[in-house]
N, C-alpha and C. Protein backbone atom coordinates (compact mmCIF):
# COMPACT_ATOMS: atom_id res chain seq x y z
N MET A 1 -140.94 -80.60 211.41
CA MET A 1 -140.17 -81.37 210.42
C MET A 1 -140.83 -82.60 209.20
N LYS A 2 -141.53 -83.23 209.87
CA LYS A 2 -141.86 -84.08 208.72
C LYS A 2 -143.76 -83.65 208.33
N LYS A 3 -144.14 -82.30 208.45
CA LYS A 3 -145.52 -81.68 208.03
C LYS A 3 -144.87 -81.05 206.83
N LEU A 4 -143.41 -80.18 206.96
CA LEU A 4 -142.97 -79.62 206.18
C LEU A 4 -142.69 -80.72 204.77
N PHE A 5 -142.15 -81.75 204.69
CA PHE A 5 -141.61 -82.89 203.88
C PHE A 5 -142.87 -83.05 203.22
N PHE A 6 -144.22 -83.68 203.76
CA PHE A 6 -144.98 -83.64 203.37
C PHE A 6 -145.90 -82.60 202.29
N LEU A 7 -145.59 -81.66 202.97
CA LEU A 7 -146.30 -80.64 202.30
C LEU A 7 -145.35 -80.31 200.99
N MET A 8 -144.23 -80.09 201.11
CA MET A 8 -143.22 -80.07 200.13
C MET A 8 -143.29 -81.28 199.06
N LEU A 9 -143.50 -82.33 199.58
CA LEU A 9 -144.19 -83.61 198.42
C LEU A 9 -145.37 -83.54 197.52
N THR A 10 -146.22 -82.93 198.53
CA THR A 10 -147.60 -82.90 197.70
C THR A 10 -147.68 -81.84 196.60
N ILE A 11 -146.63 -80.40 196.93
CA ILE A 11 -147.13 -79.23 196.25
C ILE A 11 -146.00 -80.15 194.90
N GLY A 12 -145.15 -80.53 194.92
CA GLY A 12 -144.18 -81.19 193.66
C GLY A 12 -144.98 -82.13 192.75
N LEU A 13 -145.96 -82.69 193.59
CA LEU A 13 -146.69 -84.32 192.91
C LEU A 13 -147.61 -83.20 192.20
N ALA A 14 -148.40 -82.25 192.52
CA ALA A 14 -149.23 -81.52 192.22
C ALA A 14 -148.62 -80.89 191.16
N GLY A 15 -147.63 -80.15 191.23
CA GLY A 15 -147.49 -79.67 189.74
C GLY A 15 -147.15 -80.04 189.01
N SER A 16 -146.63 -81.28 188.83
CA SER A 16 -145.74 -82.42 187.76
C SER A 16 -147.31 -82.76 187.56
N ALA A 17 -148.32 -83.26 187.75
CA ALA A 17 -149.02 -83.75 187.67
C ALA A 17 -149.95 -82.93 186.43
N PHE A 18 -149.56 -81.75 186.44
CA PHE A 18 -150.84 -80.71 185.34
C PHE A 18 -150.27 -81.00 184.01
N ALA A 19 -148.95 -81.22 183.54
CA ALA A 19 -148.67 -81.44 181.99
C ALA A 19 -149.20 -82.77 181.75
N GLN A 20 -149.24 -83.78 182.48
CA GLN A 20 -149.91 -85.07 181.94
C GLN A 20 -151.38 -84.94 181.17
N PRO A 21 -152.04 -84.58 182.19
CA PRO A 21 -153.77 -83.90 181.74
C PRO A 21 -153.89 -83.35 180.04
N ASP A 22 -152.17 -82.55 180.19
CA ASP A 22 -152.50 -81.81 178.81
C ASP A 22 -152.03 -82.57 177.51
N VAL A 23 -150.90 -83.77 177.63
CA VAL A 23 -151.06 -84.30 176.75
C VAL A 23 -151.84 -85.42 176.39
N THR A 24 -152.47 -85.71 177.21
CA THR A 24 -153.43 -87.03 177.57
C THR A 24 -154.70 -86.26 176.44
N THR A 25 -154.77 -85.02 176.55
CA THR A 25 -155.70 -84.16 175.99
C THR A 25 -155.85 -84.08 174.72
N ALA A 26 -154.11 -83.52 174.54
CA ALA A 26 -153.91 -83.48 172.86
C ALA A 26 -154.08 -84.88 172.05
N TYR A 27 -153.69 -85.80 173.08
CA TYR A 27 -153.79 -87.03 172.15
C TYR A 27 -155.02 -87.81 172.07
N ASN A 28 -156.00 -87.12 172.63
CA ASN A 28 -157.84 -87.24 172.65
C ASN A 28 -158.49 -86.54 171.57
N LEU A 29 -157.95 -85.15 171.24
CA LEU A 29 -158.30 -84.29 170.49
C LEU A 29 -157.92 -84.88 169.47
N ASN A 30 -156.45 -84.99 169.09
CA ASN A 30 -155.86 -85.84 167.62
C ASN A 30 -156.95 -86.76 167.23
N ASN A 31 -157.10 -87.75 167.86
CA ASN A 31 -157.67 -88.78 167.86
C ASN A 31 -159.11 -88.56 167.20
N GLN A 32 -159.59 -87.71 167.71
CA GLN A 32 -161.15 -86.97 167.42
C GLN A 32 -160.79 -86.12 165.94
N GLY A 33 -159.81 -85.77 165.64
CA GLY A 33 -159.83 -84.55 164.28
C GLY A 33 -159.61 -83.08 164.66
N LYS A 34 -159.26 -83.01 165.99
CA LYS A 34 -159.15 -81.97 166.15
C LYS A 34 -158.03 -81.27 166.53
N TYR A 35 -156.85 -81.29 165.38
CA TYR A 35 -155.89 -81.27 165.01
C TYR A 35 -154.95 -79.60 165.77
N VAL A 36 -155.74 -78.72 165.39
CA VAL A 36 -155.12 -77.32 166.05
C VAL A 36 -155.08 -77.63 167.59
N GLU A 37 -156.63 -78.09 167.90
CA GLU A 37 -156.64 -77.83 169.22
C GLU A 37 -155.74 -78.36 170.06
N ALA A 38 -155.19 -80.01 169.62
CA ALA A 38 -153.90 -80.98 169.81
C ALA A 38 -153.05 -80.52 170.19
N MET A 39 -153.02 -79.63 169.12
CA MET A 39 -151.53 -79.16 168.81
C MET A 39 -151.39 -77.95 170.04
N GLU A 40 -152.16 -77.29 170.42
CA GLU A 40 -152.42 -76.11 171.30
C GLU A 40 -152.45 -76.70 173.18
N TYR A 41 -152.69 -78.02 173.18
CA TYR A 41 -152.62 -78.58 174.14
C TYR A 41 -151.02 -79.20 174.31
N ILE A 42 -150.47 -79.87 173.06
CA ILE A 42 -148.99 -80.74 172.93
C ILE A 42 -148.07 -79.19 173.23
N GLU A 43 -148.55 -78.30 172.65
CA GLU A 43 -147.22 -76.84 172.92
C GLU A 43 -147.45 -76.40 174.34
N LYS A 44 -148.62 -76.92 175.14
CA LYS A 44 -148.79 -76.34 176.25
C LYS A 44 -147.74 -77.36 177.41
N ALA A 45 -148.23 -78.13 177.10
CA ALA A 45 -147.12 -79.62 177.88
C ALA A 45 -145.59 -79.42 177.81
N ALA A 46 -145.25 -78.58 176.46
CA ALA A 46 -143.60 -78.53 176.40
C ALA A 46 -142.82 -77.69 177.35
N SER A 47 -143.88 -77.10 177.92
CA SER A 47 -142.91 -76.61 179.34
C SER A 47 -142.92 -77.11 180.53
N ASP A 48 -143.22 -78.57 180.40
CA ASP A 48 -143.31 -78.98 181.55
C ASP A 48 -141.91 -80.30 181.65
N LEU A 49 -141.04 -80.23 181.82
CA LEU A 49 -139.71 -80.91 181.96
C LEU A 49 -140.19 -82.72 182.07
N LYS A 50 -141.04 -82.82 182.73
CA LYS A 50 -141.26 -84.03 182.85
C LYS A 50 -142.39 -84.72 181.73
N ALA A 51 -142.64 -83.53 181.02
CA ALA A 51 -143.84 -84.32 180.12
C ALA A 51 -142.87 -84.60 178.58
N THR A 52 -141.81 -83.63 178.60
CA THR A 52 -140.96 -83.61 177.22
C THR A 52 -140.15 -84.59 177.81
N SER A 53 -139.81 -85.23 179.06
CA SER A 53 -138.65 -86.03 178.81
C SER A 53 -139.11 -87.96 178.78
N LYS A 54 -140.61 -87.98 178.37
CA LYS A 54 -141.31 -89.28 177.84
C LYS A 54 -141.08 -89.14 176.66
N GLU A 55 -140.80 -90.23 176.15
CA GLU A 55 -140.83 -90.68 174.42
C GLU A 55 -142.33 -90.88 173.88
N LYS A 56 -143.55 -90.84 174.72
CA LYS A 56 -144.99 -90.81 174.18
C LYS A 56 -144.85 -89.16 173.89
N TYR A 57 -144.67 -88.28 174.99
CA TYR A 57 -144.86 -86.72 174.37
C TYR A 57 -144.36 -86.78 173.13
N TRP A 58 -143.04 -87.14 172.32
CA TRP A 58 -142.64 -86.45 171.18
C TRP A 58 -143.16 -87.05 170.27
N ARG A 59 -143.97 -88.52 170.33
CA ARG A 59 -144.81 -89.39 169.05
C ARG A 59 -145.85 -88.79 169.18
N TYR A 60 -146.41 -88.67 170.25
CA TYR A 60 -147.97 -87.88 170.09
C TYR A 60 -147.69 -86.24 168.98
N ARG A 61 -146.72 -85.73 169.44
CA ARG A 61 -146.70 -84.40 168.98
C ARG A 61 -146.10 -84.65 167.28
N GLY A 62 -145.42 -85.81 167.16
CA GLY A 62 -145.31 -85.70 165.47
C GLY A 62 -146.43 -86.04 165.20
N ASN A 63 -147.14 -87.31 165.77
CA ASN A 63 -148.82 -87.47 165.32
C ASN A 63 -149.66 -86.31 165.01
N ILE A 64 -149.61 -85.26 165.53
CA ILE A 64 -150.24 -84.36 165.81
C ILE A 64 -150.26 -83.27 163.98
N TYR A 65 -148.40 -83.10 164.70
CA TYR A 65 -148.04 -82.21 163.60
C TYR A 65 -148.07 -83.24 161.96
N LEU A 66 -148.21 -84.17 161.94
CA LEU A 66 -148.46 -85.30 160.94
C LEU A 66 -149.43 -84.89 160.34
N ASN A 67 -151.06 -85.08 161.34
CA ASN A 67 -152.12 -84.91 160.71
C ASN A 67 -152.46 -83.43 160.36
N ILE A 68 -151.59 -82.82 160.46
CA ILE A 68 -151.49 -81.43 159.85
C ILE A 68 -151.15 -81.24 158.98
N SER A 69 -150.19 -81.72 158.83
CA SER A 69 -149.51 -81.40 157.65
C SER A 69 -150.26 -82.16 156.18
N LEU A 70 -151.16 -83.65 156.77
CA LEU A 70 -152.03 -84.24 156.01
C LEU A 70 -153.04 -83.68 155.23
N ASP A 71 -153.41 -82.39 156.01
CA ASP A 71 -154.74 -81.70 156.26
C ASP A 71 -154.15 -80.55 155.19
N GLU A 72 -154.63 -80.23 154.14
CA GLU A 72 -154.23 -79.52 152.89
C GLU A 72 -154.76 -78.02 153.79
N ALA A 73 -155.51 -77.74 154.15
CA ALA A 73 -156.14 -76.55 154.38
C ALA A 73 -154.88 -75.56 156.17
N LEU A 74 -154.92 -76.87 156.50
CA LEU A 74 -154.03 -76.55 157.92
C LEU A 74 -152.53 -76.54 157.57
N ALA A 75 -152.39 -77.83 156.39
CA ALA A 75 -150.59 -77.25 156.34
C ALA A 75 -150.34 -76.26 155.73
N ALA A 76 -151.54 -75.79 154.69
CA ALA A 76 -150.94 -74.07 154.49
C ALA A 76 -151.07 -72.96 155.85
N LYS A 77 -151.71 -73.54 156.43
CA LYS A 77 -152.09 -72.58 157.82
C LYS A 77 -150.81 -72.36 158.64
N PHE A 78 -150.37 -73.63 158.33
CA PHE A 78 -149.28 -74.30 159.21
C PHE A 78 -147.77 -75.22 158.68
N PRO A 79 -146.72 -74.17 157.56
CA PRO A 79 -146.02 -74.74 156.71
C PRO A 79 -145.43 -75.65 157.54
N ASP A 80 -144.96 -75.19 158.50
CA ASP A 80 -143.71 -76.07 159.52
C ASP A 80 -143.58 -77.21 159.93
N ALA A 81 -145.38 -77.39 159.54
CA ALA A 81 -145.92 -78.66 160.43
C ALA A 81 -145.18 -79.87 160.02
N LEU A 82 -144.41 -80.16 158.86
CA LEU A 82 -144.01 -81.63 158.39
C LEU A 82 -142.36 -81.83 159.32
N SER A 83 -141.94 -80.40 158.67
CA SER A 83 -140.43 -80.75 159.77
C SER A 83 -140.85 -80.85 161.15
N MET A 84 -142.06 -80.17 161.66
CA MET A 84 -142.04 -80.29 163.23
C MET A 84 -142.56 -82.23 163.65
N ALA A 85 -142.74 -82.61 162.62
CA ALA A 85 -143.40 -83.95 162.75
C ALA A 85 -142.63 -84.72 162.78
N VAL A 86 -141.34 -84.29 161.75
CA VAL A 86 -140.09 -85.24 161.62
C VAL A 86 -139.32 -85.31 162.76
N ASP A 87 -139.05 -83.86 163.18
CA ASP A 87 -138.45 -83.46 164.25
C ASP A 87 -138.83 -84.42 165.34
N SER A 88 -140.32 -84.59 165.53
CA SER A 88 -140.47 -84.91 167.13
C SER A 88 -140.40 -86.92 166.92
N TYR A 89 -140.57 -87.33 165.65
CA TYR A 89 -140.19 -88.22 165.24
C TYR A 89 -138.99 -89.03 165.79
N LEU A 90 -138.00 -87.73 165.08
CA LEU A 90 -136.71 -88.23 165.56
C LEU A 90 -136.31 -88.17 167.07
N LYS A 91 -137.05 -87.47 167.72
CA LYS A 91 -136.31 -87.42 169.39
C LYS A 91 -137.12 -88.59 169.77
N SER A 92 -138.29 -88.44 169.14
CA SER A 92 -138.83 -89.87 170.06
C SER A 92 -138.10 -91.10 169.81
N LYS A 93 -137.43 -91.51 168.40
CA LYS A 93 -136.78 -92.80 168.10
C LYS A 93 -135.66 -92.51 169.47
N MET A 94 -135.28 -91.35 169.36
CA MET A 94 -133.95 -91.15 170.47
C MET A 94 -133.81 -91.83 171.79
N MET A 95 -135.04 -91.17 172.31
CA MET A 95 -135.59 -91.62 173.75
C MET A 95 -135.94 -93.06 173.87
N ASP A 96 -136.42 -93.88 172.80
CA ASP A 96 -136.95 -95.03 173.04
C ASP A 96 -136.15 -95.86 173.14
N LYS A 97 -135.86 -96.13 174.56
CA LYS A 97 -134.66 -96.84 174.66
C LYS A 97 -134.62 -98.26 174.17
N TYR A 98 -135.71 -98.97 174.41
CA TYR A 98 -136.01 -100.38 173.84
C TYR A 98 -136.45 -100.66 172.83
N GLY A 99 -136.87 -99.71 171.91
CA GLY A 99 -137.52 -99.77 170.76
C GLY A 99 -138.44 -100.12 170.91
N ASP A 100 -139.78 -99.93 171.70
CA ASP A 100 -141.16 -100.66 172.16
C ASP A 100 -141.77 -99.83 171.02
N TYR A 101 -141.75 -98.33 170.47
CA TYR A 101 -142.41 -98.24 169.50
C TYR A 101 -141.69 -97.63 167.89
N ALA A 102 -140.50 -98.39 167.86
CA ALA A 102 -139.68 -98.64 166.54
C ALA A 102 -140.29 -98.32 165.54
N GLY A 103 -141.32 -99.37 165.18
CA GLY A 103 -142.12 -99.76 164.39
C GLY A 103 -143.20 -98.79 163.88
N GLU A 104 -144.27 -98.36 164.91
CA GLU A 104 -145.04 -97.21 164.73
C GLU A 104 -144.46 -95.71 164.29
N VAL A 105 -143.06 -95.56 165.21
CA VAL A 105 -142.42 -94.52 164.51
C VAL A 105 -142.15 -94.26 162.96
N GLN A 106 -141.23 -95.84 162.51
CA GLN A 106 -140.75 -95.74 161.33
C GLN A 106 -142.10 -95.36 160.64
N ALA A 107 -143.28 -96.37 160.62
CA ALA A 107 -144.25 -95.94 159.96
C ALA A 107 -144.62 -94.92 159.66
N SER A 108 -144.68 -93.86 160.89
CA SER A 108 -144.74 -92.61 160.28
C SER A 108 -144.21 -91.60 159.52
N MET A 109 -142.57 -92.32 159.91
CA MET A 109 -141.75 -91.43 159.31
C MET A 109 -141.57 -91.34 157.78
N SER A 110 -141.97 -92.73 157.59
CA SER A 110 -142.31 -93.18 156.20
C SER A 110 -143.50 -92.37 155.42
N ASN A 111 -144.62 -91.81 155.82
CA ASN A 111 -145.86 -91.65 155.46
C ASN A 111 -145.18 -89.96 155.61
N ALA A 112 -144.23 -89.43 156.56
CA ALA A 112 -144.32 -88.25 156.18
C ALA A 112 -142.66 -88.01 155.25
N GLN A 113 -142.55 -89.38 155.04
CA GLN A 113 -141.13 -88.95 153.65
C GLN A 113 -142.34 -89.07 152.42
N GLN A 114 -143.48 -89.94 152.56
CA GLN A 114 -144.07 -90.17 150.92
C GLN A 114 -144.75 -88.42 150.75
N LEU A 115 -145.24 -87.72 151.95
CA LEU A 115 -145.85 -86.53 151.94
C LEU A 115 -144.82 -85.49 151.55
N ALA A 116 -143.58 -85.37 152.26
CA ALA A 116 -142.49 -84.67 151.20
C ALA A 116 -141.95 -84.55 150.06
N ASN A 117 -142.45 -85.89 149.58
CA ASN A 117 -142.28 -86.11 148.26
C ASN A 117 -143.12 -85.69 147.54
């Protein structure tokens, strides 16, 4: 019984650990200016409830889509990027219970608003 418990625990932890590298990889690719690759990784992580239950997932997703919308060539290729960025920032803001990233998210929302105008 004890072995079965530890086996199930190990499988559960291993499964939940797979989305975190996707979020981290997306963050790093975004910082390197590889926005399309970052988008692919952040969307891949969207299938994991553990990743999407965290505020940082939505903030990183918003940053990636905002950067895509700021690039003229990519904005033409992904016309919904700006609205996806705003939706992600709103979700991030909702999930940030203590307002730790409120200033950062508000600044990003302001950038999105300026771009929309």
